[in-house]
């Protein structure tokens, strides 16, 4: 095996054009790590946001390689002899929020950050799942236990997290309402949404009421605007963050709220794999790009002119 590999790197912060394909040393698995040959790498919003703006302390020293979501094949193990062996097909979200360097031919990580790739799901589909599905899963499990009959509002329902959140909320028996542009309504309805609202033509705060839970991955003024749609004691999940003013408004309104960041979770990932293998949960991949075209993938993601997920294929 060569001591080098291909990876996407950036040597300055800025627009997508700072991304370049380079030859770099192949990582070597340490005692408790596995080396995985990447067959596909998912593209997620933190990838481009951290490319634009240094985030101390871990994203200020250049060069950097983006990416956390991978699907691939175990190539080597360190001294670890437990969960996986060479040749096993795996997928996972690695080391988030610390650097994982998934836009590459190979990655190394602790084995508990992977799960076995779902049977019947190819590497491209599998790479699109981890970060987005884990975000929705942890929001619905750890912060607000979604139960049958509850009304759940998912903002940006056609996005990477949103389209999986719609499916997971329906699997839990919820009545699901999604916000998205009119052109994406049919897509969101096919996911199982009971109602879809065009946020560009309708104020969702006037169109929706009596909601038990709001999952927001938009931010901006959405937290404040979402308060009137919630039942007394309802829950707002600030996946895109919340300002001190938002938090004060939640308190005044008696709204339960949670702000969180997704984290590696192999047990939840195994449940996600089980649902995907059974055909009950699927990531929609809008476009697949060669690894060398990572800049084009980032530009498209920033534009928002797609549905579901984008994936790189080394």
Protein backbone atom coordinates (compact mmCIF):
# COMPACT_ATOMS: atom_id res chain seq x y z
CA UNK A 1 0.00 0.00 0.00
CA UNK A 2 1.31 3.45 -0.87
CA UNK A 3 2.40 5.69 1.97
CA UNK A 4 0.53 8.57 0.33
CA UNK A 5 -3.08 9.21 -0.66
CA UNK A 6 -5.29 11.84 -2.24
CA UNK A 7 -7.19 14.30 -0.05
CA UNK A 8 -8.99 17.61 -0.39
CA UNK A 9 -7.16 20.36 1.49
CA UNK A 10 -7.49 24.09 1.97
CA UNK A 11 -4.56 26.32 2.81
CA UNK A 12 -6.62 29.48 3.34
CA UNK A 13 -10.14 30.21 4.56
CA UNK A 14 -12.62 31.46 2.01
CA UNK A 15 -14.76 30.54 -0.99
CA UNK A 16 -15.10 26.99 -2.35
CA UNK A 17 -12.20 27.63 -4.72
CA UNK A 18 -9.73 27.31 -1.82
CA UNK A 19 -10.37 23.55 -1.90
CA UNK A 20 -7.75 21.59 -3.84
CA UNK A 21 -6.88 17.96 -4.45
CA UNK A 22 -3.47 17.14 -3.00
CA UNK A 23 -1.24 14.17 -2.25
CA UNK A 24 -0.75 13.78 1.50
CA UNK A 25 0.62 11.07 3.82
CA UNK A 26 -1.77 8.19 4.36
CA UNK A 27 -2.81 7.99 8.03
CA UNK A 28 -1.58 5.04 10.07
CA UNK A 29 -3.99 3.47 12.57
CA UNK A 30 -2.86 3.74 16.17
CA UNK A 31 -3.40 1.06 18.78
CA UNK A 32 -7.14 1.63 19.17
CA UNK A 33 -7.97 2.78 15.64
CA UNK A 34 -8.99 1.29 12.32
CA UNK A 35 -7.96 2.45 8.86
CA UNK A 36 -10.88 2.68 6.43
CA UNK A 37 -10.65 3.05 2.67
CA UNK A 38 -13.25 5.70 1.85
CA UNK A 39 -15.75 4.70 -0.83
CA UNK A 40 -17.95 7.78 -0.33
CA UNK A 41 -17.93 10.89 1.89
CA UNK A 42 -20.99 12.90 2.82
CA UNK A 43 -21.04 16.70 2.49
CA UNK A 44 -22.61 18.64 5.38
CA UNK A 45 -23.10 22.33 6.32
CA UNK A 46 -20.29 22.35 8.94
CA UNK A 47 -17.88 21.39 6.15
CA UNK A 48 -18.33 24.66 4.29
CA UNK A 49 -18.98 26.86 7.32
CA UNK A 50 -15.63 25.90 8.83
CA UNK A 51 -13.98 26.37 5.44
CA UNK A 52 -15.14 29.97 5.46
CA UNK A 53 -14.47 30.89 9.07
CA UNK A 54 -11.77 29.60 11.45
CA UNK A 55 -13.32 28.12 14.57
CA UNK A 56 -10.89 27.97 17.49
CA UNK A 57 -9.22 25.98 18.82
CA UNK A 58 -9.34 23.14 16.29
CA UNK A 59 -9.84 24.86 12.94
CA UNK A 60 -7.29 27.64 12.86
CA UNK A 61 -4.11 25.80 11.83
CA UNK A 62 -3.85 25.20 8.09
CA UNK A 63 -3.86 23.18 5.91
CA UNK A 64 -7.08 21.35 6.78
CA UNK A 65 -9.08 18.55 5.19
CA UNK A 66 -12.87 18.77 5.64
CA UNK A 67 -15.48 16.11 6.26
CA UNK A 68 -16.89 13.75 8.90
CA UNK A 69 -19.27 11.35 7.13
CA UNK A 70 -17.82 8.28 5.45
CA UNK A 71 -18.73 4.88 4.14
CA UNK A 72 -16.00 2.44 3.20
CA UNK A 73 -14.08 -0.74 3.87
CA UNK A 74 -11.83 -1.55 6.82
CA UNK A 75 -8.31 -1.86 5.45
CA UNK A 76 -6.16 -2.22 8.57
CA UNK A 77 -6.53 -2.37 12.32
CA UNK A 78 -4.05 -1.29 14.95
CA UNK A 79 -3.80 -3.65 17.89
CA UNK A 80 -7.58 -3.60 18.11
CA UNK A 81 -9.23 -6.97 17.51
CA UNK A 82 -12.86 -6.45 18.54
CA UNK A 83 -15.72 -5.06 16.49
CA UNK A 84 -14.28 -5.10 12.96
CA UNK A 85 -11.76 -6.91 10.80
CA UNK A 86 -10.20 -6.04 7.44
CA UNK A 87 -12.75 -6.29 4.64
CA UNK A 88 -15.75 -5.23 6.75
CA UNK A 89 -17.96 -2.55 5.17
CA UNK A 90 -18.66 0.27 7.62
CA UNK A 91 -20.08 3.79 7.81
CA UNK A 92 -19.98 6.51 10.42
CA UNK A 93 -19.63 10.11 11.56
CA UNK A 94 -16.08 10.41 12.83
CA UNK A 95 -14.77 12.41 15.77
CA UNK A 96 -17.20 15.34 15.40
CA UNK A 97 -16.71 18.22 16.21
CA UNK A 98 -12.96 17.60 15.97
CA UNK A 99 -11.23 17.11 12.63
CA UNK A 100 -11.81 13.75 10.93
CA UNK A 101 -10.53 14.54 7.41
CA UNK A 102 -13.09 12.47 5.55
CA UNK A 103 -12.56 14.02 2.09
CA UNK A 104 -9.76 11.57 1.35
CA UNK A 105 -8.92 8.09 0.13
CA UNK A 106 -8.44 6.84 3.71
CA UNK A 107 -9.46 7.84 7.24
CA UNK A 108 -8.58 6.56 10.69
CA UNK A 109 -10.89 6.60 13.71
CA UNK A 110 -11.89 4.67 16.77
CA UNK A 111 -14.02 1.66 15.83
CA UNK A 112 -16.95 2.69 18.04
CA UNK A 113 -17.52 5.65 15.74
CA UNK A 114 -18.49 3.23 12.97
CA UNK A 115 -21.32 0.78 12.43
CA UNK A 116 -21.65 -1.90 9.82
CA UNK A 117 -22.94 -0.53 6.54
CA UNK A 118 -26.63 -1.38 6.12
CA UNK A 119 -27.27 -4.44 3.97
CA UNK A 120 -28.63 -3.50 0.57
CA UNK A 121 -27.52 0.13 0.86
CA UNK A 122 -24.61 1.24 -1.31
CA UNK A 123 -21.69 3.32 -0.07
CA UNK A 124 -23.03 6.57 -1.55
CA UNK A 125 -26.36 6.21 0.25
CA UNK A 126 -24.66 5.10 3.45
CA UNK A 127 -22.27 8.08 3.45
CA UNK A 128 -25.24 10.44 3.24
CA UNK A 129 -26.76 9.15 6.47
CA UNK A 130 -24.57 9.57 9.56
CA UNK A 131 -24.45 13.25 10.57
CA UNK A 132 -27.92 14.16 9.33
CA UNK A 133 -29.69 11.06 10.65
CA UNK A 134 -27.86 11.18 14.00
CA UNK A 135 -28.83 14.84 14.42
CA UNK A 136 -32.53 14.08 14.00
CA UNK A 137 -32.28 10.87 16.03
CA UNK A 138 -30.60 12.57 18.98
CA UNK A 139 -33.00 15.51 18.83
CA UNK A 140 -36.02 13.22 18.95
CA UNK A 141 -34.56 10.80 21.50
CA UNK A 142 -32.32 12.79 23.84
CA UNK A 143 -34.03 16.20 23.96
CA UNK A 144 -37.66 15.49 23.13
CA UNK A 145 -39.14 12.02 23.09
CA UNK A 146 -41.39 12.14 20.04
CA UNK A 147 -44.43 9.92 20.58
CA UNK A 148 -47.43 8.82 18.50
CA UNK A 149 -49.97 11.54 17.82
CA UNK A 150 -47.67 14.47 18.54
CA UNK A 151 -47.49 17.33 16.07
CA UNK A 152 -43.93 17.96 14.88
CA UNK A 153 -42.85 20.94 12.76
CA UNK A 154 -39.63 20.43 10.78
CA UNK A 155 -38.09 23.56 9.31
CA UNK A 156 -36.06 23.12 6.10
CA UNK A 157 -37.80 19.78 5.59
CA UNK A 158 -36.16 19.13 2.20
CA UNK A 159 -32.64 19.62 3.56
CA UNK A 160 -30.09 17.06 4.64
CA UNK A 161 -31.27 16.83 8.23
CA UNK A 162 -34.85 17.86 7.53
CA UNK A 163 -35.70 15.12 5.04
CA UNK A 164 -34.44 12.43 7.43
CA UNK A 165 -36.17 14.11 10.39
CA UNK A 166 -39.49 13.91 8.55
CA UNK A 167 -39.03 10.16 8.06
CA UNK A 168 -37.92 9.53 11.65
CA UNK A 169 -40.79 11.55 13.11
CA UNK A 170 -43.27 9.58 10.99
CA UNK A 171 -41.70 6.32 12.14
CA UNK A 172 -42.41 7.47 15.70
CA UNK A 173 -46.07 8.01 14.82
CA UNK A 174 -46.05 11.81 14.73
CA UNK A 175 -48.13 14.15 12.60
CA UNK A 176 -45.42 15.95 10.61
CA UNK A 177 -45.51 19.46 9.15
CA UNK A 178 -42.61 20.66 7.02
CA UNK A 179 -41.55 24.06 5.72
CA UNK A 180 -39.79 24.34 2.36
CA UNK A 181 -40.06 26.09 -0.99
CA UNK A 182 -43.03 25.19 -3.20
CA UNK A 183 -40.79 23.43 -5.74
CA UNK A 184 -39.79 20.91 -3.06
CA UNK A 185 -43.28 20.17 -1.70
CA UNK A 186 -43.82 16.98 -3.65
CA UNK A 187 -40.47 15.63 -2.45
CA UNK A 188 -41.35 16.31 1.20
CA UNK A 189 -44.86 14.83 0.84
CA UNK A 190 -43.37 11.62 -0.57
CA UNK A 191 -41.25 11.38 2.58
CA UNK A 192 -44.48 11.17 4.55
CA UNK A 193 -45.13 14.75 5.67
CA UNK A 194 -48.79 15.37 6.47
CA UNK A 195 -48.61 19.09 5.67
CA UNK A 196 -46.09 21.18 3.74
CA UNK A 197 -45.86 24.97 3.92
CA UNK A 198 -44.19 27.27 1.40
CA UNK A 199 -42.32 29.60 3.74
CA UNK A 200 -41.69 32.05 0.86
CA UNK A 201 -45.39 32.73 0.35
CA UNK A 202 -46.96 32.00 3.73
CA UNK A 203 -46.02 32.98 7.26
CA UNK A 204 -45.73 29.58 8.90
CA UNK A 205 -46.57 31.17 12.27
CA UNK A 206 -50.03 32.00 10.92
CA UNK A 207 -50.52 28.69 9.13
CA UNK A 208 -49.55 26.33 11.95
CA UNK A 209 -50.66 25.98 15.57
CA UNK A 210 -50.83 23.44 18.37
CA UNK A 211 -47.37 21.99 17.71
CA UNK A 212 -45.68 19.82 20.32
CA UNK A 213 -42.17 20.07 18.90
CA UNK A 214 -40.28 22.30 16.47
CA UNK A 215 -36.97 21.13 14.97
CA UNK A 216 -35.18 24.15 13.54
CA UNK A 217 -32.04 23.91 11.43
CA UNK A 218 -32.43 27.43 9.97
CA UNK A 219 -31.78 29.87 12.82
CA UNK A 220 -32.04 33.61 12.27
CA UNK A 221 -35.52 34.79 13.25
CA UNK A 222 -37.01 31.29 13.13
CA UNK A 223 -36.74 30.64 16.89
CA UNK A 224 -38.76 33.75 17.80
CA UNK A 225 -41.25 33.23 14.98
CA UNK A 226 -41.79 29.60 16.01
CA UNK A 227 -42.93 30.38 19.56
CA UNK A 228 -46.60 31.10 18.65
CA UNK A 229 -47.00 27.75 16.87
CA UNK A 230 -46.13 25.74 19.98
CA UNK A 231 -48.55 24.41 22.54
CA UNK A 232 -48.04 25.57 26.12
CA UNK A 233 -45.10 23.54 27.35
CA UNK A 234 -44.08 22.62 23.82
CA UNK A 235 -40.44 22.10 22.87
CA UNK A 236 -38.18 24.02 20.51
CA UNK A 237 -34.97 22.30 19.40
CA UNK A 238 -32.42 24.88 18.33
CA UNK A 239 -30.31 22.81 15.98
CA UNK A 240 -29.04 25.97 14.30
CA UNK A 241 -28.39 27.74 17.60
CA UNK A 242 -30.26 30.31 19.65
CA UNK A 243 -29.33 33.81 20.77
CA UNK A 244 -29.68 35.12 24.35
CA UNK A 245 -32.73 37.08 23.13
CA UNK A 246 -34.25 33.84 21.80
CA UNK A 247 -33.62 32.09 25.10
CA UNK A 248 -35.24 34.91 27.06
CA UNK A 249 -38.28 34.77 24.77
CA UNK A 250 -38.56 31.01 25.31
CA UNK A 251 -38.50 31.51 29.06
CA UNK A 252 -41.19 34.23 28.94
CA UNK A 253 -43.41 32.04 26.76
CA UNK A 254 -42.94 28.94 28.91
CA UNK A 255 -41.38 27.05 26.00
CA UNK A 256 -39.10 24.12 26.71
CA UNK A 257 -36.06 24.34 24.53
CA UNK A 258 -32.81 22.56 23.85
CA UNK A 259 -29.65 23.53 22.03
CA UNK A 260 -27.35 20.70 21.05
CA UNK A 261 -24.59 19.50 18.78
CA UNK A 262 -24.63 16.06 17.25
CA UNK A 263 -22.02 13.60 18.51
CA UNK A 264 -20.74 10.18 17.46
CA UNK A 265 -23.10 7.49 18.72
CA UNK A 266 -22.50 3.98 17.47
CA UNK A 267 -25.59 2.55 19.20
CA UNK A 268 -27.89 5.04 17.46
CA UNK A 269 -25.99 4.53 14.21
CA UNK A 270 -26.68 0.81 14.43
CA UNK A 271 -30.41 1.52 14.83
CA UNK A 272 -30.26 3.87 11.84
CA UNK A 273 -28.53 1.12 9.85
CA UNK A 274 -31.25 -1.34 10.85
CA UNK A 275 -33.98 1.03 9.60
CA UNK A 276 -32.07 1.71 6.36
CA UNK A 277 -31.54 -2.01 5.70
CA UNK A 278 -35.27 -2.58 6.22
CA UNK A 279 -36.14 0.15 3.72
CA UNK A 280 -37.78 2.32 6.39
CA UNK A 281 -35.24 5.17 6.26
CA UNK A 282 -33.39 6.45 3.21
CA UNK A 283 -31.13 9.38 2.47
CA UNK A 284 -31.98 11.11 -0.79
CA UNK A 285 -28.75 11.89 -2.64
CA UNK A 286 -29.30 14.77 -5.03
CA UNK A 287 -25.84 14.64 -6.66
CA UNK A 288 -22.62 12.67 -6.44
CA UNK A 289 -19.34 14.46 -7.19
CA UNK A 290 -15.86 13.04 -7.80
CA UNK A 291 -13.53 13.84 -4.90
CA UNK A 292 -11.63 16.31 -7.09
CA UNK A 293 -14.85 18.34 -7.53
CA UNK A 294 -15.32 19.07 -3.83
CA UNK A 295 -15.36 22.81 -4.57
CA UNK A 296 -18.37 22.37 -6.87
CA UNK A 297 -20.14 20.32 -4.18
CA UNK A 298 -19.53 23.07 -1.60
CA UNK A 299 -20.76 25.76 -3.99
CA UNK A 300 -23.98 23.85 -4.62
CA UNK A 301 -24.51 23.22 -0.91
CA UNK A 302 -24.10 26.90 -0.12
CA UNK A 303 -26.61 27.80 -2.84
CA UNK A 304 -29.30 25.55 -1.34
CA UNK A 305 -30.41 24.60 -4.83
CA UNK A 306 -30.78 20.87 -4.13
CA UNK A 307 -32.77 18.47 -2.01
CA UNK A 308 -31.51 15.94 0.51
CA UNK A 309 -27.76 15.31 0.49
CA UNK A 310 -24.62 15.71 -1.60
CA UNK A 311 -21.87 13.07 -1.63
CA UNK A 312 -18.25 12.84 -2.79
CA UNK A 313 -16.98 9.60 -4.32
CA UNK A 314 -13.21 9.04 -4.30
